[in-house]
Amino acid sequence: MLRTMISDEPFGQRWVLQGRLCGQWAADLKEKWETMKSTREGRGCRVDLEGVTSVDDEGERVLLKMLSEGALLVASRAYMKYVLESLEANKV
């Protein structure tokens, strides 16, 4: 299961993800990302991945999409830092 909390802040949105970013949950996140695009209105977006416990290929594709659209992905745990470093290396 993946829990997604979104809050609007003066200079952007803050997304907090908790759980497994895998399979259908990753697809649901991608759909939510697309739906919320218009509410960002050119503002920044910070995505807190501290509570994410696992990521599959589909989850990585969603994170890569977020990165390519200017989101700041934040994590401090070793696993998620490794995932983010890997995504940054493959970012086109």
PDB file of N, CA and C in Angstrom:
ATOM      1  N   MET A   1       0.836  -1.170   0.000  1.00  0.00           N
ATOM      2  CA  MET A   1       0.000   0.000   0.000  1.00  0.00           C
ATOM      3  C   MET A   1       0.886   1.240   0.000  1.00  0.00           C
ATOM      4  N   LEU A   2       0.401   2.300  -0.662  1.00  0.00           N
ATOM      5  CA  LEU A   2       1.117   3.569  -0.702  1.00  0.00           C
ATOM      6  C   LEU A   2       0.184   4.665  -0.226  1.00  0.00           C
ATOM      7  N   ARG A   3       0.630   5.411   0.748  1.00  0.00           N
ATOM      8  CA  ARG A   3      -0.130   6.552   1.252  1.00  0.00           C
ATOM      9  C   ARG A   3       0.492   7.814   0.686  1.00  0.00           C
ATOM     10  N   THR A   4      -0.342   8.694   0.135  1.00  0.00           N
ATOM     11  CA  THR A   4       0.131   9.942  -0.437  1.00  0.00           C
ATOM     12  C   THR A   4      -0.584  11.111   0.227  1.00  0.00           C
ATOM     13  N   MET A   5       0.193  12.012   0.826  1.00  0.00           N
ATOM     14  CA  MET A   5      -0.372  13.212   1.437  1.00  0.00           C
ATOM     15  C   MET A   5       0.168  14.417   0.682  1.00  0.00           C
ATOM     16  N   ILE A   6      -0.718  15.299   0.278  1.00  0.00           N
ATOM     17  CA  ILE A   6      -0.332  16.468  -0.508  1.00  0.00           C
ATOM     18  C   ILE A   6      -0.784  17.717   0.236  1.00  0.00           C
ATOM     19  N   SER A   7       0.123  18.651   0.397  1.00  0.00           N
ATOM     20  CA  SER A   7      -0.249  19.925   1.028  1.00  0.00           C
ATOM     21  C   SER A   7       0.251  21.075   0.166  1.00  0.00           C
ATOM     22  N   ASP A   8      -0.569  22.100   0.067  1.00  0.00           N
ATOM     23  CA  ASP A   8      -0.177  23.299  -0.659  1.00  0.00           C
ATOM     24  C   ASP A   8       0.516  24.249   0.295  1.00  0.00           C
ATOM     25  N   GLU A   9       1.627  24.775  -0.158  1.00  0.00           N
ATOM     26  CA  GLU A   9       2.403  25.736   0.608  1.00  0.00           C
ATOM     27  C   GLU A   9       2.552  26.989  -0.244  1.00  0.00           C
ATOM     28  N   PRO A  10       2.947  28.110   0.336  1.00  0.00           N
ATOM     29  CA  PRO A  10       3.007  29.358  -0.430  1.00  0.00           C
ATOM     30  C   PRO A  10       3.834  29.283  -1.719  1.00  0.00           C
ATOM     31  N   PHE A  11       4.926  28.520  -1.694  1.00  0.00           N
ATOM     32  CA  PHE A  11       5.804  28.491  -2.861  1.00  0.00           C
ATOM     33  C   PHE A  11       5.780  27.171  -3.606  1.00  0.00           C
ATOM     34  N   GLY A  12       4.837  26.299  -3.280  1.00  0.00           N
ATOM     35  CA  GLY A  12       4.761  25.029  -3.981  1.00  0.00           C
ATOM     36  C   GLY A  12       3.916  24.017  -3.255  1.00  0.00           C
ATOM     37  N   GLN A  13       4.049  22.797  -3.702  1.00  0.00           N
ATOM     38  CA  GLN A  13       3.348  21.687  -3.062  1.00  0.00           C
ATOM     39  C   GLN A  13       4.351  20.806  -2.341  1.00  0.00           C
ATOM     40  N   ARG A  14       3.863  20.128  -1.330  1.00  0.00           N
ATOM     41  CA  ARG A  14       4.686  19.150  -0.616  1.00  0.00           C
ATOM     42  C   ARG A  14       3.938  17.827  -0.649  1.00  0.00           C
ATOM     43  N   TRP A  15       4.599  16.822  -1.165  1.00  0.00           N
ATOM     44  CA  TRP A  15       4.048  15.478  -1.224  1.00  0.00           C
ATOM     45  C   TRP A  15       4.823  14.622  -0.234  1.00  0.00           C
ATOM     46  N   VAL A  16       4.116  13.829   0.553  1.00  0.00           N
ATOM     47  CA  VAL A  16       4.747  12.886   1.468  1.00  0.00           C
ATOM     48  C   VAL A  16       4.238  11.499   1.093  1.00  0.00           C
ATOM     49  N   LEU A  17       5.167  10.611   0.750  1.00  0.00           N
ATOM     50  CA  LEU A  17       4.816   9.247   0.354  1.00  0.00           C
ATOM     51  C   LEU A  17       5.257   8.280   1.438  1.00  0.00           C
ATOM     52  N   GLN A  18       4.376   7.313   1.730  1.00  0.00           N
ATOM     53  CA  GLN A  18       4.689   6.304   2.737  1.00  0.00           C
ATOM     54  C   GLN A  18       4.212   4.945   2.247  1.00  0.00           C
ATOM     55  N   GLY A  19       5.079   3.961   2.311  1.00  0.00           N
ATOM     56  CA  GLY A  19       4.692   2.605   1.934  1.00  0.00           C
ATOM     57  C   GLY A  19       5.465   2.106   0.727  1.00  0.00           C
ATOM     58  N   ARG A  20       4.805   1.237  -0.047  1.00  0.00           N
ATOM     59  CA  ARG A  20       5.447   0.591  -1.189  1.00  0.00           C
ATOM     60  C   ARG A  20       5.083   1.293  -2.485  1.00  0.00           C
ATOM     61  N   LEU A  21       6.080   1.750  -3.208  1.00  0.00           N
ATOM     62  CA  LEU A  21       5.881   2.413  -4.502  1.00  0.00           C
ATOM     63  C   LEU A  21       6.066   1.357  -5.589  1.00  0.00           C
ATOM     64  N   CYS A  22       5.077   0.485  -5.705  1.00  0.00           N
ATOM     65  CA  CYS A  22       5.173  -0.682  -6.577  1.00  0.00           C
ATOM     66  C   CYS A  22       3.849  -0.918  -7.306  1.00  0.00           C
ATOM     67  N   GLY A  23       3.948  -1.510  -8.500  1.00  0.00           N
ATOM     68  CA  GLY A  23       2.782  -1.972  -9.239  1.00  0.00           C
ATOM     69  C   GLY A  23       1.665  -0.960  -9.377  1.00  0.00           C
ATOM     70  N   GLN A  24       0.475  -1.364  -8.975  1.00  0.00           N
ATOM     71  CA  GLN A  24      -0.703  -0.516  -9.124  1.00  0.00           C
ATOM     72  C   GLN A  24      -0.593   0.763  -8.304  1.00  0.00           C
ATOM     73  N   TRP A  25       0.075   0.696  -7.163  1.00  0.00           N
ATOM     74  CA  TRP A  25       0.238   1.898  -6.341  1.00  0.00           C
ATOM     75  C   TRP A  25       1.099   2.931  -7.063  1.00  0.00           C
ATOM     76  N   ALA A  26       2.106   2.473  -7.802  1.00  0.00           N
ATOM     77  CA  ALA A  26       2.923   3.386  -8.603  1.00  0.00           C
ATOM     78  C   ALA A  26       2.085   3.986  -9.730  1.00  0.00           C
ATOM     79  N   ALA A  27       1.252   3.162 -10.360  1.00  0.00           N
ATOM     80  CA  ALA A  27       0.373   3.655 -11.431  1.00  0.00           C
ATOM     81  C   ALA A  27      -0.609   4.687 -10.879  1.00  0.00           C
ATOM     82  N   ASP A  28      -1.135   4.438  -9.678  1.00  0.00           N
ATOM     83  CA  ASP A  28      -2.046   5.395  -9.047  1.00  0.00           C
ATOM     84  C   ASP A  28      -1.338   6.711  -8.745  1.00  0.00           C
ATOM     85  N   LEU A  29      -0.076   6.620  -8.288  1.00  0.00           N
ATOM     86  CA  LEU A  29       0.692   7.837  -8.010  1.00  0.00           C
ATOM     87  C   LEU A  29       0.916   8.626  -9.293  1.00  0.00           C
ATOM     88  N   LYS A  30       1.236   7.944 -10.372  1.00  0.00           N
ATOM     89  CA  LYS A  30       1.447   8.618 -11.654  1.00  0.00           C
ATOM     90  C   LYS A  30       0.178   9.355 -12.075  1.00  0.00           C
ATOM     91  N   GLU A  31      -0.960   8.706 -11.924  1.00  0.00           N
ATOM     92  CA  GLU A  31      -2.233   9.337 -12.279  1.00  0.00           C
ATOM     93  C   GLU A  31      -2.499  10.562 -11.400  1.00  0.00           C
ATOM     94  N   LYS A  32      -2.225  10.442 -10.103  1.00  0.00           N
ATOM     95  CA  LYS A  32      -2.423  11.564  -9.184  1.00  0.00           C
ATOM     96  C   LYS A  32      -1.480  12.707  -9.540  1.00  0.00           C
ATOM     97  N   TRP A  33      -0.241  12.389  -9.910  1.00  0.00           N
ATOM     98  CA  TRP A  33       0.739  13.401 -10.306  1.00  0.00           C
ATOM     99  C   TRP A  33       0.225  14.192 -11.514  1.00  0.00           C
ATOM    100  N   GLU A  34      -0.299  13.468 -12.499  1.00  0.00           N
ATOM    101  CA  GLU A  34      -0.829  14.117 -13.699  1.00  0.00           C
ATOM    102  C   GLU A  34      -2.043  14.990 -13.363  1.00  0.00           C
ATOM    103  N   THR A  35      -2.915  14.468 -12.514  1.00  0.00           N
ATOM    104  CA  THR A  35      -4.125  15.203 -12.138  1.00  0.00           C
ATOM    105  C   THR A  35      -3.788  16.484 -11.387  1.00  0.00           C
ATOM    106  N   MET A  36      -2.785  16.432 -10.524  1.00  0.00           N
ATOM    107  CA  MET A  36      -2.434  17.584  -9.691  1.00  0.00           C
ATOM    108  C   MET A  36      -1.531  18.594 -10.395  1.00  0.00           C
ATOM    109  N   LYS A  37      -1.099  18.280 -11.609  1.00  0.00           N
ATOM    110  CA  LYS A  37      -0.165  19.151 -12.331  1.00  0.00           C
ATOM    111  C   LYS A  37      -0.705  20.585 -12.445  1.00  0.00           C
ATOM    112  N   SER A  38      -1.969  20.727 -12.756  1.00  0.00           N
ATOM    113  CA  SER A  38      -2.536  22.064 -12.942  1.00  0.00           C
ATOM    114  C   SER A  38      -2.607  22.848 -11.635  1.00  0.00           C
ATOM    115  N   THR A  39      -2.659  22.175 -10.495  1.00  0.00           N
ATOM    116  CA  THR A  39      -2.745  22.893  -9.221  1.00  0.00           C
ATOM    117  C   THR A  39      -1.402  23.453  -8.774  1.00  0.00           C
ATOM    118  N   ARG A  40      -0.325  22.960  -9.372  1.00  0.00           N
ATOM    119  CA  ARG A  40       1.000  23.494  -9.015  1.00  0.00           C
ATOM    120  C   ARG A  40       1.232  24.859  -9.641  1.00  0.00           C
ATOM    121  N   GLU A  41       0.601  25.121 -10.758  1.00  0.00           N
ATOM    122  CA  GLU A  41       0.652  26.437 -11.421  1.00  0.00           C
ATOM    123  C   GLU A  41       2.064  27.011 -11.503  1.00  0.00           C
ATOM    124  N   GLY A  42       3.021  26.198 -11.926  1.00  0.00           N
ATOM    125  CA  GLY A  42       4.385  26.678 -12.103  1.00  0.00           C
ATOM    126  C   GLY A  42       5.193  26.757 -10.821  1.00  0.00           C
ATOM    127  N   ARG A  43       4.592  26.401  -9.705  1.00  0.00           N
ATOM    128  CA  ARG A  43       5.317  26.415  -8.429  1.00  0.00           C
ATOM    129  C   ARG A  43       6.127  25.134  -8.291  1.00  0.00           C
ATOM    130  N   GLY A  44       7.040  25.121  -7.365  1.00  0.00           N
ATOM    131  CA  GLY A  44       7.867  23.954  -7.129  1.00  0.00           C
ATOM    132  C   GLY A  44       7.109  22.843  -6.426  1.00  0.00           C
ATOM    133  N   CYS A  45       7.743  21.693  -6.361  1.00  0.00           N
ATOM    134  CA  CYS A  45       7.146  20.549  -5.676  1.00  0.00           C
ATOM    135  C   CYS A  45       8.253  19.770  -4.982  1.00  0.00           C
ATOM    136  N   ARG A  46       8.054  19.529  -3.701  1.00  0.00           N
ATOM    137  CA  ARG A  46       8.996  18.755  -2.891  1.00  0.00           C
ATOM    138  C   ARG A  46       8.325  17.427  -2.547  1.00  0.00           C
ATOM    139  N   VAL A  47       9.005  16.326  -2.846  1.00  0.00           N
ATOM    140  CA  VAL A  47       8.442  14.998  -2.597  1.00  0.00           C
ATOM    141  C   VAL A  47       9.296  14.310  -1.535  1.00  0.00           C
ATOM    142  N   ASP A  48       8.700  14.074  -0.371  1.00  0.00           N
ATOM    143  CA  ASP A  48       9.377  13.441   0.759  1.00  0.00           C
ATOM    144  C   ASP A  48       9.193  11.928   0.646  1.00  0.00           C
ATOM    145  N   LEU A  49      10.286  11.219   0.449  1.00  0.00           N
ATOM    146  CA  LEU A  49      10.258   9.768   0.255  1.00  0.00           C
ATOM    147  C   LEU A  49      10.726   9.011   1.489  1.00  0.00           C
ATOM    148  N   GLU A  50      10.807   9.681   2.604  1.00  0.00           N
ATOM    149  CA  GLU A  50      11.351   9.074   3.816  1.00  0.00           C
ATOM    150  C   GLU A  50      10.583   7.823   4.244  1.00  0.00           C
ATOM    151  N   GLY A  51       9.287   7.799   4.018  1.00  0.00           N
ATOM    152  CA  GLY A  51       8.478   6.666   4.446  1.00  0.00           C
ATOM    153  C   GLY A  51       8.300   5.581   3.400  1.00  0.00           C
ATOM    154  N   VAL A  52       8.985   5.698   2.261  1.00  0.00           N
ATOM    155  CA  VAL A  52       8.863   4.686   1.209  1.00  0.00           C
ATOM    156  C   VAL A  52       9.762   3.500   1.565  1.00  0.00           C
ATOM    157  N   THR A  53       9.160   2.305   1.545  1.00  0.00           N
ATOM    158  CA  THR A  53       9.901   1.113   1.969  1.00  0.00           C
ATOM    159  C   THR A  53      10.435   0.287   0.810  1.00  0.00           C
ATOM    160  N   SER A  54       9.815   0.382  -0.370  1.00  0.00           N
ATOM    161  CA  SER A  54      10.315  -0.346  -1.535  1.00  0.00           C
ATOM    162  C   SER A  54       9.827   0.311  -2.816  1.00  0.00           C
ATOM    163  N   VAL A  55      10.614   0.132  -3.877  1.00  0.00           N
ATOM    164  CA  VAL A  55      10.306   0.730  -5.178  1.00  0.00           C
ATOM    165  C   VAL A  55      10.599  -0.311  -6.251  1.00  0.00           C
ATOM    166  N   ASP A  56       9.634  -0.528  -7.167  1.00  0.00           N
ATOM    167  CA  ASP A  56       9.893  -1.434  -8.285  1.00  0.00           C
ATOM    168  C   ASP A  56      10.166  -0.602  -9.542  1.00  0.00           C
ATOM    169  N   ASP A  57      10.268  -1.261 -10.693  1.00  0.00           N
ATOM    170  CA  ASP A  57      10.573  -0.552 -11.942  1.00  0.00           C
ATOM    171  C   ASP A  57       9.530   0.512 -12.274  1.00  0.00           C
ATOM    172  N   GLU A  58       8.260   0.182 -12.076  1.00  0.00           N
ATOM    173  CA  GLU A  58       7.189   1.151 -12.351  1.00  0.00           C
ATOM    174  C   GLU A  58       7.312   2.357 -11.417  1.00  0.00           C
ATOM    175  N   GLY A  59       7.623   2.098 -10.162  1.00  0.00           N
ATOM    176  CA  GLY A  59       7.829   3.182  -9.205  1.00  0.00           C
ATOM    177  C   GLY A  59       8.992   4.074  -9.602  1.00  0.00           C
ATOM    178  N   GLU A  60      10.065   3.467 -10.081  1.00  0.00           N
ATOM    179  CA  GLU A  60      11.220   4.246 -10.534  1.00  0.00           C
ATOM    180  C   GLU A  60      10.849   5.122 -11.725  1.00  0.00           C
ATOM    181  N   ARG A  61      10.021   4.586 -12.636  1.00  0.00           N
ATOM    182  CA  ARG A  61       9.589   5.393 -13.791  1.00  0.00           C
ATOM    183  C   ARG A  61       8.775   6.606 -13.342  1.00  0.00           C
ATOM    184  N   VAL A  62       7.936   6.420 -12.333  1.00  0.00           N
ATOM    185  CA  VAL A  62       7.137   7.544 -11.823  1.00  0.00           C
ATOM    186  C   VAL A  62       8.051   8.582 -11.181  1.00  0.00           C
ATOM    187  N   LEU A  63       8.998   8.135 -10.381  1.00  0.00           N
ATOM    188  CA  LEU A  63       9.936   9.073  -9.753  1.00  0.00           C
ATOM    189  C   LEU A  63      10.758   9.811 -10.801  1.00  0.00           C
ATOM    190  N   LEU A  64      11.175   9.113 -11.839  1.00  0.00           N
ATOM    191  CA  LEU A  64      11.938   9.738 -12.914  1.00  0.00           C
ATOM    192  C   LEU A  64      11.099  10.805 -13.618  1.00  0.00           C
ATOM    193  N   LYS A  65       9.821  10.520 -13.817  1.00  0.00           N
ATOM    194  CA  LYS A  65       8.907  11.503 -14.418  1.00  0.00           C
ATOM    195  C   LYS A  65       8.807  12.745 -13.523  1.00  0.00           C
ATOM    196  N   MET A  66       8.661  12.522 -12.226  1.00  0.00           N
ATOM    197  CA  MET A  66       8.588  13.646 -11.286  1.00  0.00           C
ATOM    198  C   MET A  66       9.858  14.481 -11.355  1.00  0.00           C
ATOM    199  N   LEU A  67      11.004  13.800 -11.349  1.00  0.00           N
ATOM    200  CA  LEU A  67      12.292  14.495 -11.450  1.00  0.00           C
ATOM    201  C   LEU A  67      12.381  15.316 -12.727  1.00  0.00           C
ATOM    202  N   SER A  68      11.996  14.718 -13.843  1.00  0.00           N
ATOM    203  CA  SER A  68      12.111  15.397 -15.131  1.00  0.00           C
ATOM    204  C   SER A  68      11.172  16.594 -15.230  1.00  0.00           C
ATOM    205  N   GLU A  69      10.133  16.609 -14.402  1.00  0.00           N
ATOM    206  CA  GLU A  69       9.196  17.732 -14.398  1.00  0.00           C
ATOM    207  C   GLU A  69       9.509  18.733 -13.291  1.00  0.00           C
ATOM    208  N   GLY A  70      10.707  18.598 -12.704  1.00  0.00           N
ATOM    209  CA  GLY A  70      11.191  19.608 -11.772  1.00  0.00           C
ATOM    210  C   GLY A  70      10.950  19.370 -10.301  1.00  0.00           C
ATOM    211  N   ALA A  71      10.419  18.220  -9.933  1.00  0.00           N
ATOM    212  CA  ALA A  71      10.188  17.941  -8.518  1.00  0.00           C
ATOM    213  C   ALA A  71      11.515  17.718  -7.793  1.00  0.00           C
ATOM    214  N   LEU A  72      11.557  18.136  -6.553  1.00  0.00           N
ATOM    215  CA  LEU A  72      12.708  17.890  -5.685  1.00  0.00           C
ATOM    216  C   LEU A  72      12.377  16.658  -4.857  1.00  0.00           C
ATOM    217  N   LEU A  73      13.100  15.563  -5.078  1.00  0.00           N
ATOM    218  CA  LEU A  73      12.864  14.324  -4.353  1.00  0.00           C
ATOM    219  C   LEU A  73      13.837  14.259  -3.182  1.00  0.00           C
ATOM    220  N   VAL A  74      13.306  14.013  -1.979  1.00  0.00           N
ATOM    221  CA  VAL A  74      14.112  14.075  -0.767  1.00  0.00           C
ATOM    222  C   VAL A  74      14.023  12.768   0.011  1.00  0.00           C
ATOM    223  N   ALA A  75      15.180  12.260   0.403  1.00  0.00           N
ATOM    224  CA  ALA A  75      15.247  11.063   1.243  1.00  0.00           C
ATOM    225  C   ALA A  75      16.559  11.069   2.004  1.00  0.00           C
ATOM    226  N   SER A  76      16.562  10.504   3.198  1.00  0.00           N
ATOM    227  CA  SER A  76      17.813  10.426   3.952  1.00  0.00           C
ATOM    228  C   SER A  76      18.199   8.983   4.286  1.00  0.00           C
ATOM    229  N   ARG A  77      17.268   8.054   4.174  1.00  0.00           N
ATOM    230  CA  ARG A  77      17.599   6.651   4.428  1.00  0.00           C
ATOM    231  C   ARG A  77      18.429   6.102   3.276  1.00  0.00           C
ATOM    232  N   ALA A  78      19.315   5.183   3.598  1.00  0.00           N
ATOM    233  CA  ALA A  78      20.274   4.653   2.616  1.00  0.00           C
ATOM    234  C   ALA A  78      19.593   4.061   1.384  1.00  0.00           C
ATOM    235  N   TYR A  79      18.547   3.271   1.560  1.00  0.00           N
ATOM    236  CA  TYR A  79      17.887   2.620   0.417  1.00  0.00           C
ATOM    237  C   TYR A  79      17.342   3.658  -0.565  1.00  0.00           C
ATOM    238  N   MET A  80      16.599   4.622  -0.056  1.00  0.00           N
ATOM    239  CA  MET A  80      15.998   5.610  -0.953  1.00  0.00           C
ATOM    240  C   MET A  80      17.055   6.547  -1.537  1.00  0.00           C
ATOM    241  N   LYS A  81      18.100   6.844  -0.791  1.00  0.00           N
ATOM    242  CA  LYS A  81      19.180   7.654  -1.349  1.00  0.00           C
ATOM    243  C   LYS A  81      19.822   6.929  -2.522  1.00  0.00           C
ATOM    244  N   TYR A  82      20.003   5.627  -2.388  1.00  0.00           N
ATOM    245  CA  TYR A  82      20.563   4.829  -3.478  1.00  0.00           C
ATOM    246  C   TYR A  82      19.643   4.870  -4.701  1.00  0.00           C
ATOM    247  N   VAL A  83      18.338   4.700  -4.480  1.00  0.00           N
ATOM    248  CA  VAL A  83      17.371   4.753  -5.586  1.00  0.00           C
ATOM    249  C   VAL A  83      17.437   6.109  -6.276  1.00  0.00           C
ATOM    250  N   LEU A  84      17.465   7.188  -5.500  1.00  0.00           N
ATOM    251  CA  LEU A  84      17.510   8.532  -6.089  1.00  0.00           C
ATOM    252  C   LEU A  84      18.813   8.789  -6.839  1.00  0.00           C
ATOM    253  N   GLU A  85      19.926   8.328  -6.301  1.00  0.00           N
ATOM    254  CA  GLU A  85      21.209   8.497  -6.996  1.00  0.00           C
ATOM    255  C   GLU A  85      21.194   7.740  -8.322  1.00  0.00           C
ATOM    256  N   SER A  86      20.615   6.581  -8.312  1.00  0.00           N
ATOM    257  CA  SER A  86      20.491   5.783  -9.535  1.00  0.00           C
ATOM    258  C   SER A  86      19.628   6.496 -10.564  1.00  0.00           C
ATOM    259  N   LEU A  87      18.533   7.081 -10.118  1.00  0.00           N
ATOM    260  CA  LEU A  87      17.638   7.811 -11.029  1.00  0.00           C
ATOM    261  C   LEU A  87      18.326   9.049 -11.595  1.00  0.00           C
ATOM    262  N   GLU A  88      19.038   9.768 -10.751  1.00  0.00           N
ATOM    263  CA  GLU A  88      19.755  10.963 -11.208  1.00  0.00           C
ATOM    264  C   GLU A  88      20.783  10.608 -12.273  1.00  0.00           C
ATOM    265  N   ALA A  89      21.442   9.471 -12.091  1.00  0.00           N
ATOM    266  CA  ALA A  89      22.447   9.032 -13.072  1.00  0.00           C
ATOM    267  C   ALA A  89      21.820   8.685 -14.415  1.00  0.00           C
ATOM    268  N   ASN A  90      20.562   8.221 -14.390  1.00  0.00           N
ATOM    269  CA  ASN A  90      19.881   7.814 -15.619  1.00  0.00           C
ATOM    270  C   ASN A  90      18.968   8.894 -16.187  1.00  0.00           C
ATOM    271  N   LYS A  91      18.892  10.031 -15.498  1.00  0.00           N
ATOM    272  CA  LYS A  91      18.014  11.132 -15.938  1.00  0.00           C
ATOM    273  C   LYS A  91      18.497  11.668 -17.276  1.00  0.00           C
ATOM    274  N   VAL A  92      17.541  11.831 -18.190  1.00  0.00           N
ATOM    275  CA  VAL A  92      17.892  12.335 -19.532  1.00  0.00           C
ATOM    276  C   VAL A  92      17.512  13.778 -19.650  1.00  0.00           C
TER     277      VAL A  92
END
